[in-house]
């Protein structure tokens, strides 16, 4: 099934919001909080895998999609799915703290852009 490009940024947005909710609900303040909560770690990995796959699919439709670090985002998905033993809570925590807010803003702008273009 071929999807409209708007689906993929929407999926990214939902996963970012879920990650933010997980972090808030579990009162995460460090990577140690992630390490000691296997269910949280699994949920974060699932959301990051969805983000990576959605960026990959959107990039197939539009190679010029304006997402900073899109290659790294797609690479993280590959690591989570294929090299899962390399996933480390400190790495995920750093991504959440330092990269996720920027991605959220880029995705919001991208969704607005695609919605305007579809009018």
PDB file of N, CA and C in Angstrom:
ATOM      1  N   UNK A   1       0.848  -1.175   0.000  1.00  0.00           N
ATOM      2  CA  UNK A   1       0.000   0.000   0.000  1.00  0.00           C
ATOM      3  C   UNK A   1       0.895   1.240   0.000  1.00  0.00           C
ATOM      4  N   UNK A   2       0.628   2.142  -0.908  1.00  0.00           N
ATOM      5  CA  UNK A   2       1.376   3.387  -0.982  1.00  0.00           C
ATOM      6  C   UNK A   2       0.717   4.430  -0.082  1.00  0.00           C
ATOM      7  N   UNK A   3       1.551   5.061   0.750  1.00  0.00           N
ATOM      8  CA  UNK A   3       1.034   6.053   1.684  1.00  0.00           C
ATOM      9  C   UNK A   3       1.356   7.459   1.209  1.00  0.00           C
ATOM     10  N   UNK A   4       0.526   8.382   1.595  1.00  0.00           N
ATOM     11  CA  UNK A   4       0.777   9.794   1.404  1.00  0.00           C
ATOM     12  C   UNK A   4       1.943  10.174   2.305  1.00  0.00           C
ATOM     13  N   UNK A   5       2.813  11.060   1.833  1.00  0.00           N
ATOM     14  CA  UNK A   5       3.989  11.425   2.615  1.00  0.00           C
ATOM     15  C   UNK A   5       3.639  11.989   3.986  1.00  0.00           C
ATOM     16  N   UNK A   6       2.461  12.564   4.144  1.00  0.00           N
ATOM     17  CA  UNK A   6       2.058  13.124   5.436  1.00  0.00           C
ATOM     18  C   UNK A   6       1.958  12.067   6.537  1.00  0.00           C
ATOM     19  N   UNK A   7       1.714  10.818   6.165  1.00  0.00           N
ATOM     20  CA  UNK A   7       1.601   9.751   7.152  1.00  0.00           C
ATOM     21  C   UNK A   7       2.881   9.631   7.970  1.00  0.00           C
ATOM     22  N   UNK A   8       4.032   9.703   7.323  1.00  0.00           N
ATOM     23  CA  UNK A   8       5.289   9.415   8.001  1.00  0.00           C
ATOM     24  C   UNK A   8       5.696  10.482   9.021  1.00  0.00           C
ATOM     25  N   UNK A   9       5.645  11.767   8.683  1.00  0.00           N
ATOM     26  CA  UNK A   9       5.904  12.757   9.737  1.00  0.00           C
ATOM     27  C   UNK A   9       4.892  12.655  10.879  1.00  0.00           C
ATOM     28  N   UNK A  10       3.657  12.287  10.549  1.00  0.00           N
ATOM     29  CA  UNK A  10       2.646  12.086  11.584  1.00  0.00           C
ATOM     30  C   UNK A  10       3.029  10.954  12.525  1.00  0.00           C
ATOM     31  N   UNK A  11       3.558   9.868  11.965  1.00  0.00           N
ATOM     32  CA  UNK A  11       4.015   8.753  12.789  1.00  0.00           C
ATOM     33  C   UNK A  11       5.188   9.169  13.678  1.00  0.00           C
ATOM     34  N   UNK A  12       6.094   9.973  13.127  1.00  0.00           N
ATOM     35  CA  UNK A  12       7.225  10.470  13.912  1.00  0.00           C
ATOM     36  C   UNK A  12       6.701  11.326  15.066  1.00  0.00           C
ATOM     37  N   UNK A  13       5.806  12.232  14.750  1.00  0.00           N
ATOM     38  CA  UNK A  13       5.241  13.117  15.775  1.00  0.00           C
ATOM     39  C   UNK A  13       4.599  12.320  16.906  1.00  0.00           C
ATOM     40  N   UNK A  14       3.802  11.320  16.561  1.00  0.00           N
ATOM     41  CA  UNK A  14       3.155  10.498  17.587  1.00  0.00           C
ATOM     42  C   UNK A  14       4.174   9.754  18.444  1.00  0.00           C
ATOM     43  N   UNK A  15       5.227   9.243  17.818  1.00  0.00           N
ATOM     44  CA  UNK A  15       6.247   8.533  18.586  1.00  0.00           C
ATOM     45  C   UNK A  15       7.028   9.472  19.493  1.00  0.00           C
ATOM     46  N   UNK A  16       7.319  10.670  19.023  1.00  0.00           N
ATOM     47  CA  UNK A  16       7.999  11.660  19.868  1.00  0.00           C
ATOM     48  C   UNK A  16       7.119  11.982  21.079  1.00  0.00           C
ATOM     49  N   UNK A  17       5.834  12.199  20.836  1.00  0.00           N
ATOM     50  CA  UNK A  17       4.925  12.486  21.945  1.00  0.00           C
ATOM     51  C   UNK A  17       4.850  11.312  22.925  1.00  0.00           C
ATOM     52  N   UNK A  18       4.864  10.090  22.397  1.00  0.00           N
ATOM     53  CA  UNK A  18       4.859   8.914  23.273  1.00  0.00           C
ATOM     54  C   UNK A  18       6.127   8.856  24.116  1.00  0.00           C
ATOM     55  N   UNK A  19       7.274   9.118  23.502  1.00  0.00           N
ATOM     56  CA  UNK A  19       8.535   9.122  24.253  1.00  0.00           C
ATOM     57  C   UNK A  19       8.473  10.160  25.366  1.00  0.00           C
ATOM     58  N   UNK A  20       7.993  11.340  25.045  1.00  0.00           N
ATOM     59  CA  UNK A  20       7.872  12.386  26.071  1.00  0.00           C
ATOM     60  C   UNK A  20       6.949  11.938  27.201  1.00  0.00           C
ATOM     61  N   UNK A  21       5.857  11.267  26.849  1.00  0.00           N
ATOM     62  CA  UNK A  21       4.917  10.780  27.853  1.00  0.00           C
ATOM     63  C   UNK A  21       5.572   9.710  28.728  1.00  0.00           C
ATOM     64  N   UNK A  22       6.294   8.779  28.116  1.00  0.00           N
ATOM     65  CA  UNK A  22       6.966   7.722  28.887  1.00  0.00           C
ATOM     66  C   UNK A  22       7.931   8.338  29.897  1.00  0.00           C
ATOM     67  N   UNK A  23       8.713   9.302  29.430  1.00  0.00           N
ATOM     68  CA  UNK A  23       9.733   9.927  30.276  1.00  0.00           C
ATOM     69  C   UNK A  23       9.065  10.661  31.448  1.00  0.00           C
ATOM     70  N   UNK A  24       7.993  11.366  31.144  1.00  0.00           N
ATOM     71  CA  UNK A  24       7.282  12.104  32.194  1.00  0.00           C
ATOM     72  C   UNK A  24       6.607  11.151  33.185  1.00  0.00           C
ATOM     73  N   UNK A  25       5.909  10.151  32.650  1.00  0.00           N
ATOM     74  CA  UNK A  25       5.171   9.217  33.505  1.00  0.00           C
ATOM     75  C   UNK A  25       6.094   8.445  34.434  1.00  0.00           C
ATOM     76  N   UNK A  26       7.242   8.044  33.925  1.00  0.00           N
ATOM     77  CA  UNK A  26       8.189   7.267  34.724  1.00  0.00           C
ATOM     78  C   UNK A  26       9.150   8.149  35.513  1.00  0.00           C
ATOM     79  N   UNK A  27       8.988   9.465  35.377  1.00  0.00           N
ATOM     80  CA  UNK A  27       9.832  10.431  36.090  1.00  0.00           C
ATOM     81  C   UNK A  27      11.322  10.175  35.858  1.00  0.00           C
ATOM     82  N   UNK A  28      11.666  10.006  34.586  1.00  0.00           N
ATOM     83  CA  UNK A  28      13.049   9.719  34.203  1.00  0.00           C
ATOM     84  C   UNK A  28      13.883  10.988  34.302  1.00  0.00           C
ATOM     85  N   UNK A  29      14.997  10.882  35.022  1.00  0.00           N
ATOM     86  CA  UNK A  29      15.918  12.012  35.153  1.00  0.00           C
ATOM     87  C   UNK A  29      17.341  11.640  34.763  1.00  0.00           C
ATOM     88  N   UNK A  30      17.553  10.361  34.409  1.00  0.00           N
ATOM     89  CA  UNK A  30      18.897   9.933  34.018  1.00  0.00           C
ATOM     90  C   UNK A  30      18.808   8.618  33.245  1.00  0.00           C
ATOM     91  N   UNK A  31      19.913   8.243  32.642  1.00  0.00           N
ATOM     92  CA  UNK A  31      19.945   6.970  31.922  1.00  0.00           C
ATOM     93  C   UNK A  31      19.779   5.795  32.885  1.00  0.00           C
ATOM     94  N   UNK A  32      20.170   5.977  34.142  1.00  0.00           N
ATOM     95  CA  UNK A  32      19.997   4.910  35.133  1.00  0.00           C
ATOM     96  C   UNK A  32      18.526   4.556  35.312  1.00  0.00           C
ATOM     97  N   UNK A  33      17.655   5.555  35.219  1.00  0.00           N
ATOM     98  CA  UNK A  33      16.214   5.301  35.325  1.00  0.00           C
ATOM     99  C   UNK A  33      15.732   4.419  34.175  1.00  0.00           C
ATOM    100  N   UNK A  34      16.320   4.607  33.011  1.00  0.00           N
ATOM    101  CA  UNK A  34      15.965   3.778  31.851  1.00  0.00           C
ATOM    102  C   UNK A  34      16.528   2.374  32.025  1.00  0.00           C
ATOM    103  N   UNK A  35      17.774   2.289  32.475  1.00  0.00           N
ATOM    104  CA  UNK A  35      18.440   0.989  32.641  1.00  0.00           C
ATOM    105  C   UNK A  35      17.697   0.071  33.609  1.00  0.00           C
ATOM    106  N   UNK A  36      17.121   0.630  34.652  1.00  0.00           N
ATOM    107  CA  UNK A  36      16.480  -0.221  35.656  1.00  0.00           C
ATOM    108  C   UNK A  36      15.017  -0.528  35.334  1.00  0.00           C
ATOM    109  N   UNK A  37      14.507  -0.017  34.210  1.00  0.00           N
ATOM    110  CA  UNK A  37      13.117  -0.242  33.828  1.00  0.00           C
ATOM    111  C   UNK A  37      13.075  -0.856  32.427  1.00  0.00           C
ATOM    112  N   UNK A  38      13.104  -2.189  32.377  1.00  0.00           N
ATOM    113  CA  UNK A  38      13.161  -2.901  31.099  1.00  0.00           C
ATOM    114  C   UNK A  38      11.971  -2.576  30.197  1.00  0.00           C
ATOM    115  N   UNK A  39      10.808  -2.453  30.780  1.00  0.00           N
ATOM    116  CA  UNK A  39       9.621  -2.137  29.988  1.00  0.00           C
ATOM    117  C   UNK A  39       9.757  -0.759  29.342  1.00  0.00           C
ATOM    118  N   UNK A  40      10.282   0.200  30.087  1.00  0.00           N
ATOM    119  CA  UNK A  40      10.516   1.534  29.540  1.00  0.00           C
ATOM    120  C   UNK A  40      11.534   1.471  28.408  1.00  0.00           C
ATOM    121  N   UNK A  41      12.631   0.757  28.625  1.00  0.00           N
ATOM    122  CA  UNK A  41      13.653   0.617  27.587  1.00  0.00           C
ATOM    123  C   UNK A  41      13.055   0.007  26.324  1.00  0.00           C
ATOM    124  N   UNK A  42      12.251  -1.033  26.487  1.00  0.00           N
ATOM    125  CA  UNK A  42      11.596  -1.657  25.334  1.00  0.00           C
ATOM    126  C   UNK A  42      10.672  -0.675  24.615  1.00  0.00           C
ATOM    127  N   UNK A  43       9.906   0.093  25.376  1.00  0.00           N
ATOM    128  CA  UNK A  43       9.003   1.070  24.772  1.00  0.00           C
ATOM    129  C   UNK A  43       9.757   2.151  24.020  1.00  0.00           C
ATOM    130  N   UNK A  44      10.842   2.631  24.600  1.00  0.00           N
ATOM    131  CA  UNK A  44      11.655   3.652  23.921  1.00  0.00           C
ATOM    132  C   UNK A  44      12.240   3.100  22.636  1.00  0.00           C
ATOM    133  N   UNK A  45      12.744   1.870  22.701  1.00  0.00           N
ATOM    134  CA  UNK A  45      13.314   1.267  21.490  1.00  0.00           C
ATOM    135  C   UNK A  45      12.257   1.137  20.400  1.00  0.00           C
ATOM    136  N   UNK A  46      11.070   0.724  20.768  1.00  0.00           N
ATOM    137  CA  UNK A  46       9.978   0.595  19.786  1.00  0.00           C
ATOM    138  C   UNK A  46       9.674   1.938  19.133  1.00  0.00           C
ATOM    139  N   UNK A  47       9.558   2.983  19.937  1.00  0.00           N
ATOM    140  CA  UNK A  47       9.251   4.312  19.408  1.00  0.00           C
ATOM    141  C   UNK A  47      10.384   4.825  18.520  1.00  0.00           C
ATOM    142  N   UNK A  48      11.639   4.627  18.928  1.00  0.00           N
ATOM    143  CA  UNK A  48      12.764   5.066  18.101  1.00  0.00           C
ATOM    144  C   UNK A  48      12.837   4.274  16.797  1.00  0.00           C
ATOM    145  N   UNK A  49      12.486   2.996  16.844  1.00  0.00           N
ATOM    146  CA  UNK A  49      12.456   2.194  15.616  1.00  0.00           C
ATOM    147  C   UNK A  49      11.386   2.726  14.659  1.00  0.00           C
ATOM    148  N   UNK A  50      10.235   3.081  15.191  1.00  0.00           N
ATOM    149  CA  UNK A  50       9.169   3.647  14.356  1.00  0.00           C
ATOM    150  C   UNK A  50       9.620   4.976  13.751  1.00  0.00           C
ATOM    151  N   UNK A  51      10.253   5.805  14.552  1.00  0.00           N
ATOM    152  CA  UNK A  51      10.756   7.091  14.038  1.00  0.00           C
ATOM    153  C   UNK A  51      11.729   6.849  12.895  1.00  0.00           C
ATOM    154  N   UNK A  52      12.672   5.945  13.087  1.00  0.00           N
ATOM    155  CA  UNK A  52      13.661   5.663  12.049  1.00  0.00           C
ATOM    156  C   UNK A  52      13.035   5.121  10.779  1.00  0.00           C
ATOM    157  N   UNK A  53      12.088   4.211  10.921  1.00  0.00           N
ATOM    158  CA  UNK A  53      11.418   3.646   9.747  1.00  0.00           C
ATOM    159  C   UNK A  53      10.566   4.690   9.034  1.00  0.00           C
ATOM    160  N   UNK A  54       9.881   5.535   9.790  1.00  0.00           N
ATOM    161  CA  UNK A  54       9.054   6.577   9.183  1.00  0.00           C
ATOM    162  C   UNK A  54       9.923   7.574   8.410  1.00  0.00           C
ATOM    163  N   UNK A  55      11.065   7.945   8.973  1.00  0.00           N
ATOM    164  CA  UNK A  55      11.979   8.849   8.268  1.00  0.00           C
ATOM    165  C   UNK A  55      12.511   8.169   7.006  1.00  0.00           C
ATOM    166  N   UNK A  56      12.830   6.886   7.107  1.00  0.00           N
ATOM    167  CA  UNK A  56      13.303   6.124   5.949  1.00  0.00           C
ATOM    168  C   UNK A  56      12.251   6.115   4.836  1.00  0.00           C
ATOM    169  N   UNK A  57      11.004   5.830   5.194  1.00  0.00           N
ATOM    170  CA  UNK A  57       9.929   5.778   4.193  1.00  0.00           C
ATOM    171  C   UNK A  57       9.665   7.162   3.591  1.00  0.00           C
ATOM    172  N   UNK A  58       9.660   8.189   4.419  1.00  0.00           N
ATOM    173  CA  UNK A  58       9.442   9.556   3.915  1.00  0.00           C
ATOM    174  C   UNK A  58      10.588   9.968   3.006  1.00  0.00           C
ATOM    175  N   UNK A  59      11.799   9.578   3.354  1.00  0.00           N
ATOM    176  CA  UNK A  59      12.974   9.913   2.555  1.00  0.00           C
ATOM    177  C   UNK A  59      12.929   9.229   1.183  1.00  0.00           C
ATOM    178  N   UNK A  60      12.307   8.061   1.102  1.00  0.00           N
ATOM    179  CA  UNK A  60      12.155   7.392  -0.197  1.00  0.00           C
ATOM    180  C   UNK A  60      11.237   8.205  -1.114  1.00  0.00           C
ATOM    181  N   UNK A  61      10.263   8.883  -0.525  1.00  0.00           N
ATOM    182  CA  UNK A  61       9.329   9.696  -1.303  1.00  0.00           C
ATOM    183  C   UNK A  61       9.938  11.049  -1.637  1.00  0.00           C
ATOM    184  N   UNK A  62      10.632  11.641  -0.678  1.00  0.00           N
ATOM    185  CA  UNK A  62      11.214  12.976  -0.847  1.00  0.00           C
ATOM    186  C   UNK A  62      12.638  12.975  -0.293  1.00  0.00           C
ATOM    187  N   UNK A  63      13.616  12.835  -1.178  1.00  0.00           N
ATOM    188  CA  UNK A  63      15.035  12.785  -0.762  1.00  0.00           C
ATOM    189  C   UNK A  63      15.494  14.083  -0.109  1.00  0.00           C
ATOM    190  N   UNK A  64      14.773  15.162  -0.327  1.00  0.00           N
ATOM    191  CA  UNK A  64      15.148  16.464   0.236  1.00  0.00           C
ATOM    192  C   UNK A  64      14.393  16.788   1.512  1.00  0.00           C
ATOM    193  N   UNK A  65      13.821  15.781   2.145  1.00  0.00           N
ATOM    194  CA  UNK A  65      13.066  16.024   3.373  1.00  0.00           C
ATOM    195  C   UNK A  65      13.993  16.703   4.394  1.00  0.00           C
ATOM    196  N   UNK A  66      13.567  17.852   4.902  1.00  0.00           N
ATOM    197  CA  UNK A  66      14.460  18.654   5.752  1.00  0.00           C
ATOM    198  C   UNK A  66      14.478  18.196   7.220  1.00  0.00           C
ATOM    199  N   UNK A  67      15.126  17.071   7.456  1.00  0.00           N
ATOM    200  CA  UNK A  67      15.263  16.532   8.810  1.00  0.00           C
ATOM    201  C   UNK A  67      16.756  16.457   9.124  1.00  0.00           C
ATOM    202  N   UNK A  68      17.176  17.172  10.154  1.00  0.00           N
ATOM    203  CA  UNK A  68      18.558  17.136  10.585  1.00  0.00           C
ATOM    204  C   UNK A  68      18.892  15.723  11.067  1.00  0.00           C
ATOM    205  N   UNK A  69      20.053  15.252  10.697  1.00  0.00           N
ATOM    206  CA  UNK A  69      20.537  13.930  11.143  1.00  0.00           C
ATOM    207  C   UNK A  69      19.658  12.775  10.687  1.00  0.00           C
ATOM    208  N   UNK A  70      18.990  12.914   9.540  1.00  0.00           N
ATOM    209  CA  UNK A  70      18.094  11.837   9.125  1.00  0.00           C
ATOM    210  C   UNK A  70      18.837  10.526   8.910  1.00  0.00           C
ATOM    211  N   UNK A  71      20.090  10.581   8.460  1.00  0.00           N
ATOM    212  CA  UNK A  71      20.869   9.357   8.277  1.00  0.00           C
ATOM    213  C   UNK A  71      21.128   8.683   9.625  1.00  0.00           C
ATOM    214  N   UNK A  72      21.431   9.481  10.640  1.00  0.00           N
ATOM    215  CA  UNK A  72      21.654   8.934  11.980  1.00  0.00           C
ATOM    216  C   UNK A  72      20.363   8.364  12.563  1.00  0.00           C
ATOM    217  N   UNK A  73      19.258   9.020  12.295  1.00  0.00           N
ATOM    218  CA  UNK A  73      17.964   8.537  12.795  1.00  0.00           C
ATOM    219  C   UNK A  73      17.642   7.181  12.171  1.00  0.00           C
ATOM    220  N   UNK A  74      17.853   7.067  10.864  1.00  0.00           N
ATOM    221  CA  UNK A  74      17.611   5.788  10.196  1.00  0.00           C
ATOM    222  C   UNK A  74      18.608   4.740  10.685  1.00  0.00           C
ATOM    223  N   UNK A  75      19.831   5.160  10.968  1.00  0.00           N
ATOM    224  CA  UNK A  75      20.846   4.240  11.481  1.00  0.00           C
ATOM    225  C   UNK A  75      20.494   3.710  12.862  1.00  0.00           C
ATOM    226  N   UNK A  76      19.906   4.554  13.702  1.00  0.00           N
ATOM    227  CA  UNK A  76      19.489   4.106  15.034  1.00  0.00           C
ATOM    228  C   UNK A  76      18.442   3.011  14.912  1.00  0.00           C
ATOM    229  N   UNK A  77      17.529   3.164  13.993  1.00  0.00           N
ATOM    230  CA  UNK A  77      16.522   2.122  13.772  1.00  0.00           C
ATOM    231  C   UNK A  77      17.197   0.810  13.410  1.00  0.00           C
ATOM    232  N   UNK A  78      18.199   0.878  12.538  1.00  0.00           N
ATOM    233  CA  UNK A  78      18.926  -0.329  12.134  1.00  0.00           C
ATOM    234  C   UNK A  78      19.592  -0.985  13.353  1.00  0.00           C
ATOM    235  N   UNK A  79      20.208  -0.177  14.185  1.00  0.00           N
ATOM    236  CA  UNK A  79      20.870  -0.716  15.380  1.00  0.00           C
ATOM    237  C   UNK A  79      19.853  -1.376  16.305  1.00  0.00           C
ATOM    238  N   UNK A  80      18.734  -0.699  16.541  1.00  0.00           N
ATOM    239  CA  UNK A  80      17.713  -1.247  17.442  1.00  0.00           C
ATOM    240  C   UNK A  80      17.183  -2.578  16.923  1.00  0.00           C
ATOM    241  N   UNK A  81      16.951  -2.663  15.613  1.00  0.00           N
ATOM    242  CA  UNK A  81      16.341  -3.861  15.039  1.00  0.00           C
ATOM    243  C   UNK A  81      17.358  -4.977  14.812  1.00  0.00           C
ATOM    244  N   UNK A  82      18.540  -4.636  14.306  1.00  0.00           N
ATOM    245  CA  UNK A  82      19.495  -5.666  13.888  1.00  0.00           C
ATOM    246  C   UNK A  82      20.679  -5.850  14.837  1.00  0.00           C
ATOM    247  N   UNK A  83      21.080  -4.809  15.526  1.00  0.00           N
ATOM    248  CA  UNK A  83      22.226  -4.876  16.436  1.00  0.00           C
ATOM    249  C   UNK A  83      21.789  -4.482  17.839  1.00  0.00           C
ATOM    250  N   UNK A  84      20.663  -5.043  18.253  1.00  0.00           N
ATOM    251  CA  UNK A  84      20.015  -4.659  19.501  1.00  0.00           C
ATOM    252  C   UNK A  84      20.923  -4.729  20.724  1.00  0.00           C
ATOM    253  N   UNK A  85      21.955  -5.568  20.661  1.00  0.00           N
ATOM    254  CA  UNK A  85      22.859  -5.679  21.804  1.00  0.00           C
ATOM    255  C   UNK A  85      23.769  -4.461  21.946  1.00  0.00           C
ATOM    256  N   UNK A  86      23.744  -3.575  20.962  1.00  0.00           N
ATOM    257  CA  UNK A  86      24.536  -2.346  21.033  1.00  0.00           C
ATOM    258  C   UNK A  86      23.757  -1.169  21.623  1.00  0.00           C
ATOM    259  N   UNK A  87      22.462  -1.348  21.834  1.00  0.00           N
ATOM    260  CA  UNK A  87      21.630  -0.264  22.374  1.00  0.00           C
ATOM    261  C   UNK A  87      21.998  -0.035  23.840  1.00  0.00           C
ATOM    262  N   UNK A  88      22.270   1.217  24.160  1.00  0.00           N
ATOM    263  CA  UNK A  88      22.659   1.591  25.521  1.00  0.00           C
ATOM    264  C   UNK A  88      21.742   2.710  26.031  1.00  0.00           C
ATOM    265  N   UNK A  89      21.308   2.568  27.269  1.00  0.00           N
ATOM    266  CA  UNK A  89      20.433   3.569  27.875  1.00  0.00           C
ATOM    267  C   UNK A  89      21.052   4.965  27.859  1.00  0.00           C
ATOM    268  N   UNK A  90      22.362   5.135  28.149  1.00  0.00           N
ATOM    269  CA  UNK A  90      22.925   6.490  28.098  1.00  0.00           C
ATOM    270  C   UNK A  90      22.813   7.136  26.712  1.00  0.00           C
ATOM    271  N   UNK A  91      22.941   6.318  25.665  1.00  0.00           N
ATOM    272  CA  UNK A  91      22.796   6.864  24.306  1.00  0.00           C
ATOM    273  C   UNK A  91      21.368   7.321  24.054  1.00  0.00           C
ATOM    274  N   UNK A  92      20.404   6.494  24.448  1.00  0.00           N
ATOM    275  CA  UNK A  92      18.997   6.881  24.265  1.00  0.00           C
ATOM    276  C   UNK A  92      18.670   8.125  25.079  1.00  0.00           C
ATOM    277  N   UNK A  93      19.182   8.187  26.306  1.00  0.00           N
ATOM    278  CA  UNK A  93      18.914   9.342  27.162  1.00  0.00           C
ATOM    279  C   UNK A  93      19.484  10.615  26.544  1.00  0.00           C
ATOM    280  N   UNK A  94      20.680  10.537  25.977  1.00  0.00           N
ATOM    281  CA  UNK A  94      21.271  11.713  25.322  1.00  0.00           C
ATOM    282  C   UNK A  94      20.454  12.137  24.106  1.00  0.00           C
ATOM    283  N   UNK A  95      19.965  11.178  23.354  1.00  0.00           N
ATOM    284  CA  UNK A  95      19.118  11.501  22.205  1.00  0.00           C
ATOM    285  C   UNK A  95      17.837  12.186  22.680  1.00  0.00           C
ATOM    286  N   UNK A  96      17.236  11.646  23.707  1.00  0.00           N
ATOM    287  CA  UNK A  96      15.993  12.222  24.238  1.00  0.00           C
ATOM    288  C   UNK A  96      16.227  13.656  24.703  1.00  0.00           C
ATOM    289  N   UNK A  97      17.307  13.878  25.413  1.00  0.00           N
ATOM    290  CA  UNK A  97      17.574  15.200  25.980  1.00  0.00           C
ATOM    291  C   UNK A  97      18.034  16.218  24.942  1.00  0.00           C
ATOM    292  N   UNK A  98      18.906  15.795  24.034  1.00  0.00           N
ATOM    293  CA  UNK A  98      19.565  16.774  23.166  1.00  0.00           C
ATOM    294  C   UNK A  98      19.100  16.775  21.712  1.00  0.00           C
ATOM    295  N   UNK A  99      18.482  15.721  21.234  1.00  0.00           N
ATOM    296  CA  UNK A  99      18.090  15.640  19.825  1.00  0.00           C
ATOM    297  C   UNK A  99      16.584  15.635  19.600  1.00  0.00           C
ATOM    298  N   UNK A 100      15.849  15.023  20.514  1.00  0.00           N
ATOM    299  CA  UNK A 100      14.402  14.880  20.316  1.00  0.00           C
ATOM    300  C   UNK A 100      13.658  16.212  20.242  1.00  0.00           C
ATOM    301  N   UNK A 101      13.999  17.208  21.072  1.00  0.00           N
ATOM    302  CA  UNK A 101      13.274  18.483  20.963  1.00  0.00           C
ATOM    303  C   UNK A 101      13.407  19.132  19.580  1.00  0.00           C
ATOM    304  N   UNK A 102      14.596  19.074  18.995  1.00  0.00           N
ATOM    305  CA  UNK A 102      14.806  19.652  17.657  1.00  0.00           C
ATOM    306  C   UNK A 102      14.032  18.856  16.606  1.00  0.00           C
ATOM    307  N   UNK A 103      14.060  17.528  16.720  1.00  0.00           N
ATOM    308  CA  UNK A 103      13.314  16.702  15.777  1.00  0.00           C
ATOM    309  C   UNK A 103      11.819  17.014  15.870  1.00  0.00           C
ATOM    310  N   UNK A 104      11.329  17.181  17.069  1.00  0.00           N
ATOM    311  CA  UNK A 104       9.909  17.503  17.253  1.00  0.00           C
ATOM    312  C   UNK A 104       9.547  18.793  16.515  1.00  0.00           C
ATOM    313  N   UNK A 105      10.371  19.801  16.656  1.00  0.00           N
ATOM    314  CA  UNK A 105      10.104  21.076  15.985  1.00  0.00           C
ATOM    315  C   UNK A 105      10.178  20.924  14.464  1.00  0.00           C
ATOM    316  N   UNK A 106      11.167  20.195  13.978  1.00  0.00           N
ATOM    317  CA  UNK A 106      11.276  19.982  12.525  1.00  0.00           C
ATOM    318  C   UNK A 106      10.066  19.240  11.986  1.00  0.00           C
ATOM    319  N   UNK A 107       9.600  18.260  12.722  1.00  0.00           N
ATOM    320  CA  UNK A 107       8.450  17.467  12.281  1.00  0.00           C
ATOM    321  C   UNK A 107       7.183  18.311  12.267  1.00  0.00           C
ATOM    322  N   UNK A 108       7.005  19.134  13.284  1.00  0.00           N
ATOM    323  CA  UNK A 108       5.827  20.016  13.312  1.00  0.00           C
ATOM    324  C   UNK A 108       5.827  20.939  12.098  1.00  0.00           C
ATOM    325  N   UNK A 109       6.984  21.534  11.792  1.00  0.00           N
ATOM    326  CA  UNK A 109       7.087  22.411  10.615  1.00  0.00           C
ATOM    327  C   UNK A 109       6.863  21.641   9.323  1.00  0.00           C
ATOM    328  N   UNK A 110       7.385  20.417   9.261  1.00  0.00           N
ATOM    329  CA  UNK A 110       7.222  19.607   8.060  1.00  0.00           C
ATOM    330  C   UNK A 110       5.761  19.231   7.843  1.00  0.00           C
ATOM    331  N   UNK A 111       5.079  18.867   8.898  1.00  0.00           N
ATOM    332  CA  UNK A 111       3.654  18.544   8.791  1.00  0.00           C
ATOM    333  C   UNK A 111       2.880  19.759   8.310  1.00  0.00           C
ATOM    334  N   UNK A 112       3.175  20.928   8.881  1.00  0.00           N
ATOM    335  CA  UNK A 112       2.505  22.159   8.441  1.00  0.00           C
ATOM    336  C   UNK A 112       2.770  22.420   6.960  1.00  0.00           C
ATOM    337  N   UNK A 113       4.016  22.221   6.533  1.00  0.00           N
ATOM    338  CA  UNK A 113       4.381  22.432   5.124  1.00  0.00           C
ATOM    339  C   UNK A 113       3.594  21.492   4.213  1.00  0.00           C
ATOM    340  N   UNK A 114       3.577  20.207   4.543  1.00  0.00           N
ATOM    341  CA  UNK A 114       2.864  19.237   3.709  1.00  0.00           C
ATOM    342  C   UNK A 114       1.358  19.487   3.711  1.00  0.00           C
ATOM    343  N   UNK A 115       0.826  19.913   4.851  1.00  0.00           N
ATOM    344  CA  UNK A 115      -0.608  20.220   4.904  1.00  0.00           C
ATOM    345  C   UNK A 115      -0.933  21.419   4.021  1.00  0.00           C
ATOM    346  N   UNK A 116      -0.075  22.442   4.018  1.00  0.00           N
ATOM    347  CA  UNK A 116      -0.285  23.610   3.173  1.00  0.00           C
ATOM    348  C   UNK A 116      -0.202  23.228   1.688  1.00  0.00           C
ATOM    349  N   UNK A 117       0.750  22.355   1.362  1.00  0.00           N
ATOM    350  CA  UNK A 117       0.914  21.932  -0.034  1.00  0.00           C
ATOM    351  C   UNK A 117      -0.265  21.106  -0.521  1.00  0.00           C
ATOM    352  N   UNK A 118      -0.934  20.425   0.403  1.00  0.00           N
ATOM    353  CA  UNK A 118      -2.046  19.564  -0.017  1.00  0.00           C
ATOM    354  C   UNK A 118      -3.360  20.317  -0.162  1.00  0.00           C
ATOM    355  N   UNK A 119      -3.360  21.604   0.222  1.00  0.00           N
ATOM    356  CA  UNK A 119      -4.591  22.405   0.084  1.00  0.00           C
ATOM    357  C   UNK A 119      -4.877  22.771  -1.353  1.00  0.00           C
TER     358      UNK A 119
END
